[in-house]
Amino acid sequence: MPIERFLIVDENDTTALMWTLLLQNLGYKNVEHAKTGYEGLDKAKRGNAQFIITCWENSSLPGTIFIQKARQELKKKYIPFLIYSTRLNNEDVRLLGELNYKNVLPAPIDKAAAGKLIAEILEFENKLPAEETRLRKIESYFAAGKNTDALSLFDGKIRKKGPYFVRAHILLARIWLSSAQHKKAEECIQLALADEPENFDARSILANILTGLGRSDEALDILMKMSNSSPKNIEALLNLGSAYVEADKHEESAATFGQIDLLDPDNKPVKDEKAKLAFKVGDIPLAAKLLAETQNGDMLSRHFNNVAIALVQKQQFEKALETYRNAISLLNNKASLHALFYNMGLALSKKGDHAQALSAFLESYRAKPAFEKSYLAMAKTAQTMKDAGTKYDSELVKEANQIRRKYKDSLPKGSSVS
């Protein structure tokens, strides 16, 4: 889709008019103006902005925070930004580099240079290279939790040395990490870091991998250095606070989240991180309050799932089951719960409670009939109980069969359940 809708964010009407006229001279008539960063976010969402031009020195919401909030809150990930400033300092330049914002102009604006830069950005966005298109599609699949589809698009070409090498391996590492495949994730991220040792995303993911591998001290060392060198990078602070939670350093995590509150008092992702902390210390009412408006239910579901799986691996079944139950209660209507129910069923099976496992697998299948693993797990559990001479609730199996038939009937002609 060609870029046609522009948004200018600047409290100075004269400068905003200059940009509007410049864009009109380039042939673009659909231009909105927002006087504050907050108004800009609202207009970007309502008007589905495709290109944002913003002043760095807006007083109500400075550029340091506006660009980060835009990245968090706007649904369209790839919105080109053009940033102009009279006084970027070294800390600002570092933050822009970490966030991959490269289109920056000094103020006062050279109109010819500005027009040339806008034309270059639009030419790239309107005629994306094949590799860029594929990576964006992979990222879209990953964001939707479709890891199998995302992995199917990786091939030798997109992973070869070249301009997309680091980004492709960072993305592949994210996918493996989300599936708790820490060793595979580490292999990918080390390849990326070999090419770009200071890459912000790669270092952040490495820290997450190390946390997952139980190497919390190494992870914290990386994240503390990152947040110290870029103290206004909210993602760096979020990652550090989350790592403190995982390391059971609760006071440090609360202090780190407090730093984010000072930078961005209404930051939504930090509420999710605070909810993880409340969950871990057993304050379920506070976790529920913090998650009341979460927009990251599926991500949190994966997080709680991984926490419980780790407990199962340690054979701490009761703690794992309590984690599953609390997570299901907290995320009801906020996430797809089939994976939580399915893995709770596996935990119950390992514990030897096959009757309850059967019920959990059915809940998983109810939540997502396309998730065939739940149906197969029910069949296997019922057979295990039958072989052991234990009576199982045949009504549960009957319901599962009814769900399966109804689901198969709803599929397009020629489709099949695998």
Protein backbone atom coordinates (compact mmCIF):
# COMPACT_ATOMS: atom_id res chain seq x y z
CA MET A 1 0.00 0.00 0.00
CA PRO A 2 1.59 3.34 -1.04
CA ILE A 3 2.22 5.90 1.70
CA GLU A 4 -0.28 8.76 1.51
CA ARG A 5 -1.15 9.76 5.12
CA PHE A 6 1.31 12.03 6.97
CA LEU A 7 1.37 13.34 10.53
CA ILE A 8 3.43 16.29 11.76
CA VAL A 9 4.04 16.57 15.52
CA ASP A 10 5.25 20.01 16.56
CA GLU A 11 3.94 22.57 19.03
CA ASN A 12 5.15 25.35 16.69
CA ASP A 13 2.41 26.14 14.13
CA THR A 14 4.81 27.92 11.78
CA THR A 15 7.16 24.95 11.51
CA ALA A 16 4.22 22.58 11.07
CA LEU A 17 2.91 24.75 8.22
CA MET A 18 6.33 24.66 6.55
CA TRP A 19 6.25 20.84 6.58
CA THR A 20 2.65 20.79 5.33
CA LEU A 21 3.53 23.03 2.36
CA LEU A 22 6.65 21.01 1.61
CA LEU A 23 4.64 17.78 1.50
CA GLN A 24 1.95 19.41 -0.64
CA ASN A 25 4.61 20.55 -3.09
CA LEU A 26 5.73 16.92 -3.27
CA GLY A 27 2.16 15.94 -4.15
CA TYR A 28 0.88 14.78 -0.76
CA LYS A 29 -2.34 16.40 0.45
CA ASN A 30 -3.36 14.14 3.36
CA VAL A 31 -1.37 15.84 6.14
CA GLU A 32 -2.43 16.19 9.79
CA HIS A 33 -0.87 18.31 12.49
CA ALA A 34 -0.65 17.49 16.22
CA LYS A 35 0.63 20.08 18.69
CA THR A 36 1.70 17.56 21.38
CA GLY A 37 3.09 14.05 21.48
CA TYR A 38 -0.03 12.75 23.21
CA GLU A 39 -2.25 14.31 20.56
CA GLY A 40 0.09 12.85 17.96
CA LEU A 41 -0.32 9.33 19.31
CA ASP A 42 -4.09 9.73 19.33
CA LYS A 43 -4.22 11.11 15.77
CA ALA A 44 -1.78 8.45 14.53
CA LYS A 45 -4.08 5.73 15.85
CA ARG A 46 -7.35 7.24 14.64
CA GLY A 47 -6.04 8.38 11.28
CA ASN A 48 -3.80 5.35 10.68
CA ALA A 49 -0.76 7.54 9.98
CA GLN A 50 1.75 6.05 7.54
CA PHE A 51 4.59 8.57 7.98
CA ILE A 52 5.40 10.70 11.05
CA ILE A 53 7.52 13.85 11.08
CA THR A 54 8.29 15.03 14.62
CA CYS A 55 10.22 17.70 16.45
CA TRP A 56 12.55 16.28 19.11
CA GLU A 57 12.14 19.19 21.51
CA ASN A 58 8.36 19.17 22.06
CA SER A 59 7.90 20.13 25.71
CA SER A 60 4.76 18.17 26.69
CA LEU A 61 6.18 14.82 25.54
CA PRO A 62 9.85 14.99 24.50
CA GLY A 63 11.11 13.04 21.52
CA THR A 64 12.96 10.58 23.74
CA ILE A 65 9.64 9.32 25.11
CA PHE A 66 7.37 10.01 22.12
CA ILE A 67 9.26 7.75 19.73
CA GLN A 68 9.30 4.92 22.27
CA LYS A 69 5.60 5.25 23.05
CA ALA A 70 4.82 5.33 19.33
CA ARG A 71 6.73 2.08 18.85
CA GLN A 72 4.86 0.45 21.74
CA GLU A 73 1.36 1.70 21.03
CA LEU A 74 0.94 1.99 17.26
CA LYS A 75 -0.24 -1.24 15.65
CA LYS A 76 1.68 -0.73 12.41
CA LYS A 77 5.29 -1.50 13.28
CA TYR A 78 6.92 -0.04 10.19
CA ILE A 79 5.89 3.60 10.27
CA PRO A 80 8.71 5.74 8.86
CA PHE A 81 9.81 8.55 11.18
CA LEU A 82 11.63 11.72 10.25
CA ILE A 83 13.02 13.49 13.31
CA TYR A 84 14.38 17.04 13.39
CA SER A 85 16.21 18.70 16.25
CA THR A 86 18.23 21.73 17.24
CA ARG A 87 20.27 20.02 19.94
CA LEU A 88 20.60 16.24 19.95
CA ASN A 89 23.13 15.21 22.59
CA ASN A 90 25.23 12.04 22.61
CA GLU A 91 22.68 10.24 24.80
CA ASP A 92 19.92 11.10 22.32
CA VAL A 93 22.00 9.91 19.37
CA ARG A 94 22.70 6.64 21.14
CA LEU A 95 18.99 6.11 21.89
CA LEU A 96 18.04 6.78 18.26
CA GLY A 97 20.63 4.26 17.10
CA GLU A 98 19.40 1.62 19.54
CA LEU A 99 15.84 2.09 18.28
CA ASN A 100 16.96 2.07 14.61
CA TYR A 101 15.71 5.58 13.87
CA LYS A 102 18.13 6.81 11.22
CA ASN A 103 16.25 9.63 9.49
CA VAL A 104 17.32 12.71 11.44
CA LEU A 105 17.68 16.31 10.22
CA PRO A 106 19.21 19.32 11.99
CA ALA A 107 17.07 22.40 12.57
CA PRO A 108 16.56 24.94 11.08
CA ILE A 109 15.33 22.79 8.21
CA ASP A 110 17.02 22.79 4.82
CA LYS A 111 13.93 22.29 2.63
CA ALA A 112 15.84 20.79 -0.27
CA ALA A 113 17.57 18.24 1.99
CA ALA A 114 14.27 17.46 3.73
CA GLY A 115 12.46 16.89 0.42
CA LYS A 116 15.25 14.63 -0.81
CA LEU A 117 15.21 12.55 2.40
CA ILE A 118 11.42 12.17 2.32
CA ALA A 119 11.60 11.04 -1.32
CA GLU A 120 14.27 8.43 -0.46
CA ILE A 121 12.24 7.07 2.45
CA LEU A 122 9.09 6.83 0.35
CA GLU A 123 10.89 5.15 -2.54
CA PHE A 124 12.19 2.45 -0.19
CA GLU A 125 8.84 1.90 1.57
CA ASN A 126 6.84 1.82 -1.65
CA LYS A 127 9.25 -0.59 -3.38
CA LEU A 128 10.43 -2.89 -0.60
CA PRO A 129 13.24 -5.35 -1.42
CA ALA A 130 12.17 -8.99 -1.37
CA GLU A 131 14.24 -9.70 1.76
CA GLU A 132 12.63 -6.80 3.62
CA THR A 133 9.15 -7.99 2.65
CA ARG A 134 9.93 -11.52 3.84
CA LEU A 135 11.39 -10.38 7.16
CA ARG A 136 8.36 -8.20 7.85
CA LYS A 137 6.08 -11.15 7.10
CA ILE A 138 8.10 -13.37 9.45
CA GLU A 139 7.85 -10.70 12.16
CA SER A 140 4.10 -10.52 11.62
CA TYR A 141 3.75 -14.30 12.02
CA PHE A 142 5.92 -14.20 15.14
CA ALA A 143 3.88 -11.38 16.67
CA ALA A 144 0.75 -13.45 16.08
CA GLY A 145 2.30 -16.47 17.84
CA LYS A 146 2.62 -18.44 14.57
CA ASN A 147 6.16 -19.68 15.10
CA THR A 148 5.85 -22.61 12.69
CA ASP A 149 4.73 -20.32 9.88
CA ALA A 150 7.52 -17.87 10.74
CA LEU A 151 10.20 -20.58 10.68
CA SER A 152 8.96 -21.90 7.34
CA LEU A 153 9.94 -18.60 5.67
CA PHE A 154 13.60 -18.78 6.70
CA ASP A 155 15.91 -20.10 4.01
CA GLY A 156 19.59 -19.98 3.14
CA LYS A 157 19.20 -16.78 1.14
CA ILE A 158 17.76 -14.68 3.94
CA ARG A 159 20.34 -16.03 6.41
CA LYS A 160 23.40 -15.47 4.22
CA LYS A 161 25.97 -12.76 4.92
CA GLY A 162 24.75 -9.37 3.81
CA PRO A 163 22.63 -6.41 4.92
CA TYR A 164 19.90 -8.64 6.40
CA PHE A 165 22.15 -11.19 8.13
CA VAL A 166 22.10 -9.69 11.63
CA ARG A 167 18.41 -8.83 11.60
CA ALA A 168 17.42 -12.28 10.33
CA HIS A 169 19.43 -14.04 13.04
CA ILE A 170 18.06 -11.75 15.75
CA LEU A 171 14.54 -12.57 14.60
CA LEU A 172 15.30 -16.30 14.46
CA ALA A 173 16.71 -16.09 17.99
CA ARG A 174 13.50 -14.41 19.19
CA ILE A 175 11.45 -17.25 17.74
CA TRP A 176 13.58 -19.96 19.35
CA LEU A 177 13.58 -18.08 22.65
CA SER A 178 9.78 -17.80 22.68
CA SER A 179 9.68 -21.60 22.26
CA ALA A 180 12.14 -22.05 25.17
CA GLN A 181 14.77 -23.37 22.73
CA HIS A 182 17.54 -21.49 24.51
CA LYS A 183 20.54 -23.24 22.95
CA LYS A 184 19.28 -22.67 19.42
CA ALA A 185 18.48 -19.06 20.29
CA GLU A 186 21.99 -18.56 21.69
CA GLU A 187 23.62 -19.96 18.55
CA CYS A 188 21.68 -17.47 16.39
CA ILE A 189 22.33 -14.48 18.60
CA GLN A 190 26.05 -15.16 18.81
CA LEU A 191 26.21 -15.09 15.00
CA ALA A 192 24.49 -11.69 15.04
CA LEU A 193 26.80 -10.35 17.75
CA ALA A 194 29.89 -11.54 15.88
CA ASP A 195 28.92 -9.07 13.14
CA GLU A 196 27.57 -6.29 15.37
CA PRO A 197 28.87 -6.64 18.96
CA GLU A 198 27.03 -3.52 20.16
CA ASN A 199 23.66 -4.29 18.55
CA PHE A 200 21.03 -3.30 21.13
CA ASP A 201 18.44 -5.93 20.17
CA ALA A 202 21.00 -8.72 20.04
CA ARG A 203 22.43 -7.88 23.45
CA SER A 204 18.93 -7.65 24.96
CA ILE A 205 18.00 -11.06 23.59
CA LEU A 206 21.29 -12.58 24.77
CA ALA A 207 20.46 -11.38 28.28
CA ASN A 208 16.99 -12.98 28.03
CA ILE A 209 18.56 -16.22 26.84
CA LEU A 210 21.04 -16.24 29.72
CA THR A 211 18.18 -15.67 32.16
CA GLY A 212 16.35 -18.64 30.67
CA LEU A 213 19.48 -20.77 31.04
CA GLY A 214 19.70 -19.86 34.72
CA ARG A 215 22.72 -17.57 34.24
CA SER A 216 21.08 -14.55 35.87
CA ASP A 217 24.28 -12.84 36.98
CA GLU A 218 25.61 -12.71 33.41
CA ALA A 219 22.25 -11.44 32.15
CA LEU A 220 22.07 -8.73 34.79
CA ASP A 221 25.62 -7.61 34.04
CA ILE A 222 24.72 -7.07 30.37
CA LEU A 223 21.46 -5.28 31.13
CA MET A 224 22.89 -3.02 33.82
CA LYS A 225 25.60 -1.85 31.42
CA MET A 226 22.98 -1.22 28.72
CA SER A 227 20.68 0.80 30.98
CA ASN A 228 23.57 2.77 32.48
CA SER A 229 24.83 3.79 29.04
CA SER A 230 21.32 4.68 27.81
CA PRO A 231 19.26 5.67 30.89
CA LYS A 232 16.26 6.90 28.86
CA ASN A 233 15.85 3.67 26.93
CA ILE A 234 12.62 2.28 28.39
CA GLU A 235 13.03 -1.14 26.78
CA ALA A 236 16.46 -1.50 28.41
CA LEU A 237 14.95 -0.64 31.79
CA LEU A 238 12.04 -3.03 31.24
CA ASN A 239 14.44 -5.84 30.41
CA LEU A 240 16.55 -5.08 33.47
CA GLY A 241 13.53 -4.97 35.77
CA SER A 242 12.22 -8.23 34.33
CA ALA A 243 15.62 -9.90 34.82
CA TYR A 244 15.61 -8.77 38.44
CA VAL A 245 12.20 -10.41 38.84
CA GLU A 246 13.53 -13.68 37.43
CA ALA A 247 16.54 -13.49 39.75
CA ASP A 248 14.25 -12.95 42.78
CA LYS A 249 15.76 -9.50 43.35
CA HIS A 250 12.41 -7.92 44.06
CA GLU A 251 13.57 -4.62 45.57
CA GLU A 252 15.86 -3.96 42.62
CA SER A 253 13.07 -4.76 40.15
CA ALA A 254 10.65 -2.40 41.90
CA ALA A 255 13.27 0.37 41.87
CA THR A 256 13.91 -0.15 38.14
CA PHE A 257 10.21 -0.03 37.34
CA GLY A 258 10.07 3.17 39.38
CA GLN A 259 12.65 4.71 37.01
CA ILE A 260 10.29 3.98 34.11
CA ASP A 261 7.41 5.59 35.99
CA LEU A 262 9.45 8.79 36.24
CA LEU A 263 10.17 8.80 32.49
CA ASP A 264 6.72 7.70 31.32
CA PRO A 265 4.05 7.65 34.08
CA ASP A 266 1.41 5.95 31.93
CA ASN A 267 3.66 3.31 30.37
CA LYS A 268 1.57 0.19 29.73
CA PRO A 269 4.26 -2.50 29.34
CA VAL A 270 5.67 -1.69 32.79
CA LYS A 271 2.29 -2.59 34.30
CA ASP A 272 2.67 -6.07 32.83
CA GLU A 273 6.17 -6.35 34.29
CA LYS A 274 4.91 -5.18 37.68
CA ALA A 275 2.17 -7.81 37.39
CA LYS A 276 4.82 -10.50 36.85
CA LEU A 277 6.53 -9.30 40.03
CA ALA A 278 3.25 -9.30 41.98
CA PHE A 279 2.48 -12.77 40.63
CA LYS A 280 5.87 -14.08 41.68
CA VAL A 281 5.61 -12.77 45.25
CA GLY A 282 2.10 -14.18 45.53
CA ASP A 283 0.12 -10.92 45.43
CA ILE A 284 -2.51 -12.19 42.99
CA PRO A 285 -5.03 -9.34 43.64
CA LEU A 286 -2.38 -6.75 42.70
CA ALA A 287 -1.40 -8.77 39.63
CA ALA A 288 -5.06 -8.88 38.59
CA LYS A 289 -5.40 -5.12 39.06
CA LEU A 290 -2.31 -4.43 36.98
CA LEU A 291 -3.42 -6.79 34.22
CA ALA A 292 -6.96 -5.45 34.05
CA GLU A 293 -6.18 -3.54 30.85
CA THR A 294 -3.29 -5.54 29.45
CA GLN A 295 -2.90 -5.71 25.70
CA ASN A 296 -0.21 -8.40 25.89
CA GLY A 297 -2.24 -11.35 27.12
CA ASP A 298 -0.70 -13.91 24.78
CA MET A 299 2.83 -12.80 25.65
CA LEU A 300 2.04 -13.05 29.36
CA SER A 301 0.47 -16.46 28.78
CA ARG A 302 3.75 -17.67 27.26
CA HIS A 303 5.67 -16.18 30.19
CA PHE A 304 3.56 -17.89 32.87
CA ASN A 305 3.63 -21.09 30.83
CA ASN A 306 7.44 -21.07 30.81
CA VAL A 307 7.52 -20.38 34.56
CA ALA A 308 5.29 -23.39 35.21
CA ILE A 309 7.20 -25.64 32.79
CA ALA A 310 10.41 -24.85 34.67
CA LEU A 311 8.72 -25.89 37.93
CA VAL A 312 7.53 -29.15 36.36
CA GLN A 313 11.08 -29.90 35.22
CA LYS A 314 12.10 -29.57 38.87
CA GLN A 315 9.17 -31.89 39.76
CA GLN A 316 7.59 -29.10 41.82
CA PHE A 317 4.15 -30.13 40.58
CA GLU A 318 1.98 -28.35 43.14
CA LYS A 319 3.72 -25.00 42.55
CA ALA A 320 3.45 -25.53 38.79
CA LEU A 321 -0.25 -26.34 38.99
CA GLU A 322 -0.88 -23.32 41.22
CA THR A 323 0.95 -21.19 38.63
CA TYR A 324 -1.23 -22.54 35.82
CA ARG A 325 -4.46 -21.97 37.76
CA ASN A 326 -3.55 -18.43 38.78
CA ALA A 327 -2.40 -17.55 35.27
CA ILE A 328 -5.61 -18.92 33.73
CA SER A 329 -7.66 -16.91 36.21
CA LEU A 330 -5.70 -13.70 35.59
CA LEU A 331 -5.70 -13.97 31.79
CA ASN A 332 -9.28 -15.10 31.32
CA ASN A 333 -10.66 -13.21 28.28
CA LYS A 334 -7.25 -11.56 27.79
CA ALA A 335 -5.37 -14.35 26.00
CA SER A 336 -5.68 -17.65 24.22
CA LEU A 337 -5.48 -20.15 27.08
CA HIS A 338 -5.24 -23.43 25.18
CA ALA A 339 -1.47 -23.76 25.76
CA LEU A 340 -1.80 -23.14 29.51
CA PHE A 341 -4.52 -25.79 29.83
CA TYR A 342 -2.56 -28.22 27.64
CA ASN A 343 0.65 -27.90 29.62
CA MET A 344 -1.31 -28.09 32.88
CA GLY A 345 -2.66 -31.40 31.58
CA LEU A 346 0.89 -32.60 30.90
CA ALA A 347 1.92 -31.59 34.44
CA LEU A 348 -1.04 -33.48 35.91
CA SER A 349 -0.15 -36.54 33.82
CA LYS A 350 3.44 -36.48 35.08
CA LYS A 351 2.11 -36.16 38.60
CA GLY A 352 -0.07 -39.21 37.96
CA ASP A 353 -3.43 -37.44 38.19
CA HIS A 354 -4.82 -38.67 34.87
CA ALA A 355 -8.46 -37.86 35.62
CA GLN A 356 -7.70 -34.17 36.15
CA ALA A 357 -5.32 -34.23 33.17
CA LEU A 358 -8.19 -35.42 30.99
CA SER A 359 -10.27 -32.42 32.08
CA ALA A 360 -7.40 -30.00 31.44
CA PHE A 361 -6.85 -31.37 27.93
CA LEU A 362 -10.55 -30.96 27.20
CA GLU A 363 -10.43 -27.32 28.37
CA SER A 364 -7.52 -26.80 25.97
CA TYR A 365 -9.46 -28.39 23.13
CA ARG A 366 -12.54 -26.32 23.92
CA ALA A 367 -10.43 -23.17 23.77
CA LYS A 368 -8.89 -24.07 20.39
CA PRO A 369 -10.26 -27.03 18.39
CA ALA A 370 -7.53 -26.49 15.79
CA PHE A 371 -4.98 -27.45 18.46
CA GLU A 372 -4.95 -31.17 17.68
CA LYS A 373 -2.38 -31.96 20.38
CA SER A 374 -5.11 -31.54 23.01
CA TYR A 375 -7.37 -34.11 21.36
CA LEU A 376 -4.52 -36.59 20.93
CA ALA A 377 -3.44 -36.06 24.56
CA MET A 378 -7.01 -36.84 25.68
CA ALA A 379 -7.06 -40.05 23.65
CA LYS A 380 -3.68 -41.11 25.03
CA THR A 381 -4.70 -40.32 28.63
CA ALA A 382 -7.99 -42.20 28.30
CA GLN A 383 -6.10 -45.21 26.93
CA THR A 384 -3.55 -45.04 29.76
CA MET A 385 -6.36 -45.08 32.31
CA LYS A 386 -8.12 -47.92 30.51
CA ASP A 387 -4.91 -50.00 30.40
CA ALA A 388 -4.47 -49.41 34.14
CA GLY A 389 -8.03 -50.55 34.81
CA THR A 390 -9.02 -47.05 35.93
CA LYS A 391 -12.42 -45.70 35.01
CA TYR A 392 -12.43 -42.40 33.18
CA ASP A 393 -15.24 -39.94 32.50
CA SER A 394 -16.50 -41.04 29.09
CA GLU A 395 -18.61 -37.89 28.83
CA LEU A 396 -15.42 -35.85 28.52
CA VAL A 397 -14.21 -37.97 25.62
CA LYS A 398 -17.66 -37.81 24.06
CA GLU A 399 -17.61 -34.01 24.22
CA ALA A 400 -14.15 -33.90 22.66
CA ASN A 401 -15.38 -36.05 19.76
CA GLN A 402 -18.36 -33.74 19.28
CA ILE A 403 -16.08 -30.68 19.22
CA ARG A 404 -13.85 -32.42 16.68
CA ARG A 405 -16.72 -33.33 14.36
CA LYS A 406 -18.12 -29.81 14.53
CA TYR A 407 -14.70 -28.33 13.83
CA LYS A 408 -14.08 -30.65 10.86
CA ASP A 409 -17.49 -29.73 9.42
CA SER A 410 -16.56 -26.05 9.64
CA LEU A 411 -13.42 -26.47 7.56
CA PRO A 412 -13.42 -25.61 3.84
CA LYS A 413 -14.15 -28.55 1.59
CA GLY A 414 -11.05 -30.64 1.00
CA SER A 415 -9.37 -29.59 4.25
CA SER A 416 -8.51 -32.13 6.92
CA VAL A 417 -7.56 -32.27 10.56
CA SER A 418 -3.93 -33.39 10.89
